[in-house]
PDB file of N, CA and C in Angstrom:
ATOM      1  N   MET A   1       3.840 -11.140  -7.694  1.00  0.00           N
ATOM      2  CA  MET A   1       3.668 -10.178  -6.632  1.00  0.00           C
ATOM      3  C   MET A   1       2.780 -10.800  -5.555  1.00  0.00           C
ATOM      4  N   GLU A   2       3.162 -10.611  -4.322  1.00  0.00           N
ATOM      5  CA  GLU A   2       2.405 -11.163  -3.199  1.00  0.00           C
ATOM      6  C   GLU A   2       1.827 -10.020  -2.370  1.00  0.00           C
ATOM      7  N   TRP A   3       0.492  -9.990  -2.251  1.00  0.00           N
ATOM      8  CA  TRP A   3      -0.168  -8.980  -1.417  1.00  0.00           C
ATOM      9  C   TRP A   3      -0.128  -9.435   0.029  1.00  0.00           C
ATOM     10  N   ILE A   4       0.260  -8.520   0.923  1.00  0.00           N
ATOM     11  CA  ILE A   4       0.379  -8.829   2.348  1.00  0.00           C
ATOM     12  C   ILE A   4      -0.555  -7.896   3.117  1.00  0.00           C
ATOM     13  N   SER A   5      -1.319  -8.456   4.018  1.00  0.00           N
ATOM     14  CA  SER A   5      -2.252  -7.676   4.820  1.00  0.00           C
ATOM     15  C   SER A   5      -1.510  -6.842   5.859  1.00  0.00           C
ATOM     16  N   THR A   6      -1.989  -5.627   6.092  1.00  0.00           N
ATOM     17  CA  THR A   6      -1.400  -4.796   7.145  1.00  0.00           C
ATOM     18  C   THR A   6      -1.723  -5.354   8.530  1.00  0.00           C
ATOM     19  N   LYS A   7      -2.655  -6.308   8.603  1.00  0.00           N
ATOM     20  CA  LYS A   7      -2.943  -6.984   9.868  1.00  0.00           C
ATOM     21  C   LYS A   7      -1.857  -7.996  10.200  1.00  0.00           C
ATOM     22  N   VAL A   8      -1.100  -8.427   9.174  1.00  0.00           N
ATOM     23  CA  VAL A   8      -0.050  -9.422   9.357  1.00  0.00           C
ATOM     24  C   VAL A   8       1.292  -8.764   9.624  1.00  0.00           C
ATOM     25  N   ARG A   9       1.683  -7.824   8.746  1.00  0.00           N
ATOM     26  CA  ARG A   9       2.960  -7.117   8.935  1.00  0.00           C
ATOM     27  C   ARG A   9       3.042  -5.917   7.989  1.00  0.00           C
ATOM     28  N   PHE A  10       4.045  -5.089   8.224  1.00  0.00           N
ATOM     29  CA  PHE A  10       4.300  -3.911   7.403  1.00  0.00           C
ATOM     30  C   PHE A  10       5.602  -4.109   6.633  1.00  0.00           C
ATOM     31  N   PRO A  11       5.798  -3.349   5.565  1.00  0.00           N
ATOM     32  CA  PRO A  11       7.033  -3.509   4.781  1.00  0.00           C
ATOM     33  C   PRO A  11       8.255  -2.965   5.512  1.00  0.00           C
ATOM     34  N   LYS A  12       9.425  -3.287   4.961  1.00  0.00           N
ATOM     35  CA  LYS A  12      10.669  -2.735   5.498  1.00  0.00           C
ATOM     36  C   LYS A  12      10.637  -1.221   5.325  1.00  0.00           C
ATOM     37  N   GLU A  13      11.178  -0.527   6.285  1.00  0.00           N
ATOM     38  CA  GLU A  13      11.174   0.938   6.234  1.00  0.00           C
ATOM     39  C   GLU A  13      11.959   1.450   5.037  1.00  0.00           C
ATOM     40  N   GLY A  14      11.371   2.455   4.355  1.00  0.00           N
ATOM     41  CA  GLY A  14      12.039   3.114   3.251  1.00  0.00           C
ATOM     42  C   GLY A  14      12.042   2.349   1.947  1.00  0.00           C
ATOM     43  N   LYS A  15      11.393   1.190   1.906  1.00  0.00           N
ATOM     44  CA  LYS A  15      11.330   0.372   0.698  1.00  0.00           C
ATOM     45  C   LYS A  15      10.070   0.743  -0.075  1.00  0.00           C
ATOM     46  N   GLU A  16      10.193   1.037  -1.369  1.00  0.00           N
ATOM     47  CA  GLU A  16       9.046   1.419  -2.187  1.00  0.00           C
ATOM     48  C   GLU A  16       8.106   0.233  -2.378  1.00  0.00           C
ATOM     49  N   VAL A  17       6.809   0.455  -2.153  1.00  0.00           N
ATOM     50  CA  VAL A  17       5.801  -0.599  -2.265  1.00  0.00           C
ATOM     51  C   VAL A  17       4.556  -0.073  -2.971  1.00  0.00           C
ATOM     52  N   ILE A  18       3.689  -0.997  -3.360  1.00  0.00           N
ATOM     53  CA  ILE A  18       2.352  -0.652  -3.833  1.00  0.00           C
ATOM     54  C   ILE A  18       1.408  -0.880  -2.662  1.00  0.00           C
ATOM     55  N   ALA A  19       0.607   0.124  -2.337  1.00  0.00           N
ATOM     56  CA  ALA A  19      -0.361   0.030  -1.245  1.00  0.00           C
ATOM     57  C   ALA A  19      -1.766  -0.004  -1.838  1.00  0.00           C
ATOM     58  N   ALA A  20      -2.615  -0.880  -1.304  1.00  0.00           N
ATOM     59  CA  ALA A  20      -3.998  -1.017  -1.784  1.00  0.00           C
ATOM     60  C   ALA A  20      -4.970  -0.693  -0.657  1.00  0.00           C
ATOM     61  N   CYS A  21      -6.004   0.089  -0.992  1.00  0.00           N
ATOM     62  CA  CYS A  21      -7.027   0.430  -0.017  1.00  0.00           C
ATOM     63  C   CYS A  21      -8.379   0.532  -0.723  1.00  0.00           C
ATOM     64  N   ARG A  22      -9.450   0.521   0.049  1.00  0.00           N
ATOM     65  CA  ARG A  22     -10.811   0.622  -0.482  1.00  0.00           C
ATOM     66  C   ARG A  22     -11.321   2.043  -0.326  1.00  0.00           C
ATOM     67  N   ASN A  23     -11.975   2.535  -1.357  1.00  0.00           N
ATOM     68  CA  ASN A  23     -12.591   3.855  -1.307  1.00  0.00           C
ATOM     69  C   ASN A  23     -13.868   3.761  -0.481  1.00  0.00           C
ATOM     70  N   LYS A  24     -13.895   4.415   0.665  1.00  0.00           N
ATOM     71  CA  LYS A  24     -15.050   4.354   1.572  1.00  0.00           C
ATOM     72  C   LYS A  24     -16.194   5.241   1.113  1.00  0.00           C
ATOM     73  N   ASN A  25     -15.935   6.183   0.200  1.00  0.00           N
ATOM     74  CA  ASN A  25     -16.951   7.135  -0.242  1.00  0.00           C
ATOM     75  C   ASN A  25     -17.763   6.659  -1.446  1.00  0.00           C
ATOM     76  N   LYS A  26     -17.475   5.489  -1.952  1.00  0.00           N
ATOM     77  CA  LYS A  26     -18.190   4.946  -3.107  1.00  0.00           C
ATOM     78  C   LYS A  26     -18.960   3.693  -2.695  1.00  0.00           C
ATOM     79  N   GLU A  27     -20.135   3.502  -3.279  1.00  0.00           N
ATOM     80  CA  GLU A  27     -20.952   2.330  -2.929  1.00  0.00           C
ATOM     81  C   GLU A  27     -20.241   1.023  -3.236  1.00  0.00           C
ATOM     82  N   ASP A  28     -19.533   0.977  -4.384  1.00  0.00           N
ATOM     83  CA  ASP A  28     -18.877  -0.270  -4.763  1.00  0.00           C
ATOM     84  C   ASP A  28     -17.521  -0.456  -4.077  1.00  0.00           C
ATOM     85  N   GLY A  29     -17.056   0.546  -3.360  1.00  0.00           N
ATOM     86  CA  GLY A  29     -15.791   0.426  -2.631  1.00  0.00           C
ATOM     87  C   GLY A  29     -14.629   0.067  -3.523  1.00  0.00           C
ATOM     88  N   ILE A  30     -14.447   0.804  -4.621  1.00  0.00           N
ATOM     89  CA  ILE A  30     -13.396   0.471  -5.571  1.00  0.00           C
ATOM     90  C   ILE A  30     -12.030   0.474  -4.898  1.00  0.00           C
ATOM     91  N   TRP A  31     -11.119  -0.324  -5.446  1.00  0.00           N
ATOM     92  CA  TRP A  31      -9.756  -0.366  -4.935  1.00  0.00           C
ATOM     93  C   TRP A  31      -8.986   0.835  -5.441  1.00  0.00           C
ATOM     94  N   LEU A  32      -8.170   1.405  -4.592  1.00  0.00           N
ATOM     95  CA  LEU A  32      -7.286   2.509  -4.924  1.00  0.00           C
ATOM     96  C   LEU A  32      -5.856   2.067  -4.613  1.00  0.00           C
ATOM     97  N   TYR A  33      -4.920   2.491  -5.441  1.00  0.00           N
ATOM     98  CA  TYR A  33      -3.530   2.052  -5.295  1.00  0.00           C
ATOM     99  C   TYR A  33      -2.591   3.249  -5.260  1.00  0.00           C
ATOM    100  N   ASP A  34      -1.545   3.128  -4.489  1.00  0.00           N
ATOM    101  CA  ASP A  34      -0.489   4.137  -4.408  1.00  0.00           C
ATOM    102  C   ASP A  34       0.865   3.452  -4.451  1.00  0.00           C
ATOM    103  N   ILE A  35       1.831   4.117  -5.025  1.00  0.00           N
ATOM    104  CA  ILE A  35       3.223   3.707  -4.871  1.00  0.00           C
ATOM    105  C   ILE A  35       3.785   4.624  -3.801  1.00  0.00           C
ATOM    106  N   CYS A  36       4.260   4.031  -2.717  1.00  0.00           N
ATOM    107  CA  CYS A  36       4.650   4.841  -1.565  1.00  0.00           C
ATOM    108  C   CYS A  36       5.708   4.126  -0.731  1.00  0.00           C
ATOM    109  N   PHE A  37       6.004   4.714   0.407  1.00  0.00           N
ATOM    110  CA  PHE A  37       6.998   4.186   1.343  1.00  0.00           C
ATOM    111  C   PHE A  37       6.360   4.084   2.725  1.00  0.00           C
ATOM    112  N   TYR A  38       6.843   3.147   3.549  1.00  0.00           N
ATOM    113  CA  TYR A  38       6.352   3.009   4.918  1.00  0.00           C
ATOM    114  C   TYR A  38       7.500   3.252   5.893  1.00  0.00           C
ATOM    115  N   TYR A  39       7.214   4.035   6.944  1.00  0.00           N
ATOM    116  CA  TYR A  39       8.161   4.284   8.034  1.00  0.00           C
ATOM    117  C   TYR A  39       7.418   4.079   9.350  1.00  0.00           C
ATOM    118  N   SER A  40       8.025   3.363  10.289  1.00  0.00           N
ATOM    119  CA  SER A  40       7.330   3.035  11.534  1.00  0.00           C
ATOM    120  C   SER A  40       6.973   4.276  12.352  1.00  0.00           C
ATOM    121  N   ASP A  41       7.757   5.344  12.242  1.00  0.00           N
ATOM    122  CA  ASP A  41       7.466   6.532  13.049  1.00  0.00           C
ATOM    123  C   ASP A  41       6.467   7.489  12.393  1.00  0.00           C
ATOM    124  N   THR A  42       6.371   7.488  11.058  1.00  0.00           N
ATOM    125  CA  THR A  42       5.459   8.419  10.376  1.00  0.00           C
ATOM    126  C   THR A  42       4.379   7.727   9.551  1.00  0.00           C
ATOM    127  N   GLY A  43       4.491   6.425   9.360  1.00  0.00           N
ATOM    128  CA  GLY A  43       3.484   5.682   8.592  1.00  0.00           C
ATOM    129  C   GLY A  43       3.757   5.713   7.096  1.00  0.00           C
ATOM    130  N   TRP A  44       2.679   5.710   6.317  1.00  0.00           N
ATOM    131  CA  TRP A  44       2.763   5.677   4.854  1.00  0.00           C
ATOM    132  C   TRP A  44       3.055   7.074   4.331  1.00  0.00           C
ATOM    133  N   GLU A  45       4.068   7.183   3.472  1.00  0.00           N
ATOM    134  CA  GLU A  45       4.444   8.487   2.925  1.00  0.00           C
ATOM    135  C   GLU A  45       4.402   8.486   1.406  1.00  0.00           C
ATOM    136  N   ASP A  46       4.231   9.686   0.837  1.00  0.00           N
ATOM    137  CA  ASP A  46       4.169   9.915  -0.615  1.00  0.00           C
ATOM    138  C   ASP A  46       2.939   9.279  -1.252  1.00  0.00           C
ATOM    139  N   ARG A  47       1.834   9.285  -0.538  1.00  0.00           N
ATOM    140  CA  ARG A  47       0.581   8.736  -1.062  1.00  0.00           C
ATOM    141  C   ARG A  47      -0.253   9.831  -1.696  1.00  0.00           C
ATOM    142  N   ILE A  48      -1.113   9.427  -2.634  1.00  0.00           N
ATOM    143  CA  ILE A  48      -2.044  10.355  -3.271  1.00  0.00           C
ATOM    144  C   ILE A  48      -3.405  10.286  -2.588  1.00  0.00           C
ATOM    145  N   ASN A  49      -3.879   9.076  -2.287  1.00  0.00           N
ATOM    146  CA  ASN A  49      -5.165   8.953  -1.590  1.00  0.00           C
ATOM    147  C   ASN A  49      -4.909   8.681  -0.109  1.00  0.00           C
ATOM    148  N   TRP A  50      -5.923   8.911   0.715  1.00  0.00           N
ATOM    149  CA  TRP A  50      -5.712   8.831   2.165  1.00  0.00           C
ATOM    150  C   TRP A  50      -6.623   7.831   2.865  1.00  0.00           C
ATOM    151  N   GLU A  51      -7.146   6.860   2.123  1.00  0.00           N
ATOM    152  CA  GLU A  51      -7.907   5.781   2.754  1.00  0.00           C
ATOM    153  C   GLU A  51      -6.936   4.894   3.536  1.00  0.00           C
ATOM    154  N   ASP A  52      -7.483   4.039   4.402  1.00  0.00           N
ATOM    155  CA  ASP A  52      -6.646   3.129   5.187  1.00  0.00           C
ATOM    156  C   ASP A  52      -6.032   2.064   4.288  1.00  0.00           C
ATOM    157  N   VAL A  53      -4.732   1.872   4.393  1.00  0.00           N
ATOM    158  CA  VAL A  53      -4.054   0.828   3.626  1.00  0.00           C
ATOM    159  C   VAL A  53      -4.444  -0.528   4.205  1.00  0.00           C
ATOM    160  N   LEU A  54      -4.953  -1.413   3.344  1.00  0.00           N
ATOM    161  CA  LEU A  54      -5.357  -2.748   3.767  1.00  0.00           C
ATOM    162  C   LEU A  54      -4.322  -3.806   3.382  1.00  0.00           C
ATOM    163  N   TYR A  55      -3.696  -3.620   2.226  1.00  0.00           N
ATOM    164  CA  TYR A  55      -2.698  -4.567   1.712  1.00  0.00           C
ATOM    165  C   TYR A  55      -1.554  -3.787   1.091  1.00  0.00           C
ATOM    166  N   TRP A  56      -0.416  -4.433   0.997  1.00  0.00           N
ATOM    167  CA  TRP A  56       0.737  -3.843   0.335  1.00  0.00           C
ATOM    168  C   TRP A  56       1.532  -4.957  -0.322  1.00  0.00           C
ATOM    169  N   ALA A  57       2.378  -4.580  -1.285  1.00  0.00           N
ATOM    170  CA  ALA A  57       3.226  -5.561  -1.974  1.00  0.00           C
ATOM    171  C   ALA A  57       4.515  -4.882  -2.400  1.00  0.00           C
ATOM    172  N   TYR A  58       5.624  -5.635  -2.330  1.00  0.00           N
ATOM    173  CA  TYR A  58       6.871  -5.123  -2.859  1.00  0.00           C
ATOM    174  C   TYR A  58       6.755  -5.076  -4.375  1.00  0.00           C
ATOM    175  N   ILE A  59       7.432  -4.131  -4.981  1.00  0.00           N
ATOM    176  CA  ILE A  59       7.404  -3.991  -6.434  1.00  0.00           C
ATOM    177  C   ILE A  59       8.460  -4.908  -7.029  1.00  0.00           C
ATOM    178  N   ASP A  60       8.018  -5.848  -7.834  1.00  0.00           N
ATOM    179  CA  ASP A  60       8.930  -6.795  -8.485  1.00  0.00           C
ATOM    180  C   ASP A  60       9.578  -6.148  -9.705  1.00  0.00           C
ATOM    181  N   GLU A  61      10.784  -6.545  -9.984  1.00  0.00           N
ATOM    182  CA  GLU A  61      11.455  -6.098 -11.206  1.00  0.00           C
ATOM    183  C   GLU A  61      10.793  -6.761 -12.411  1.00  0.00           C
ATOM    184  N   PRO A  62      10.677  -6.070 -13.521  1.00  0.00           N
ATOM    185  CA  PRO A  62      10.090  -6.692 -14.716  1.00  0.00           C
ATOM    186  C   PRO A  62      10.919  -7.883 -15.178  1.00  0.00           C
ATOM    187  N   GLU A  63      10.247  -8.876 -15.731  1.00  0.00           N
ATOM    188  CA  GLU A  63      10.948 -10.026 -16.258  1.00  0.00           C
ATOM    189  C   GLU A  63      11.632  -9.644 -17.561  1.00  0.00           C
ATOM    190  N   LYS A  64      12.799 -10.190 -17.774  1.00  0.00           N
ATOM    191  CA  LYS A  64      13.555  -9.878 -19.003  1.00  0.00           C
ATOM    192  C   LYS A  64      13.165 -10.813 -20.109  1.00  0.00           C
TER     193      LYS A  64
END
């Protein structure tokens, strides 16, 4: 899996991805993850947490 910065590019629209962000309300800034979708007109959809997405990665198929 390759993590890609949102400063570099965004995923293809409608493709399911893992999004990573930092919790701003905690001293240690723990990482939070969501499985969601990105659309250029509405942004990140189907997320549970609402911190700013810093990185994302396409979901790889499990190895057989």
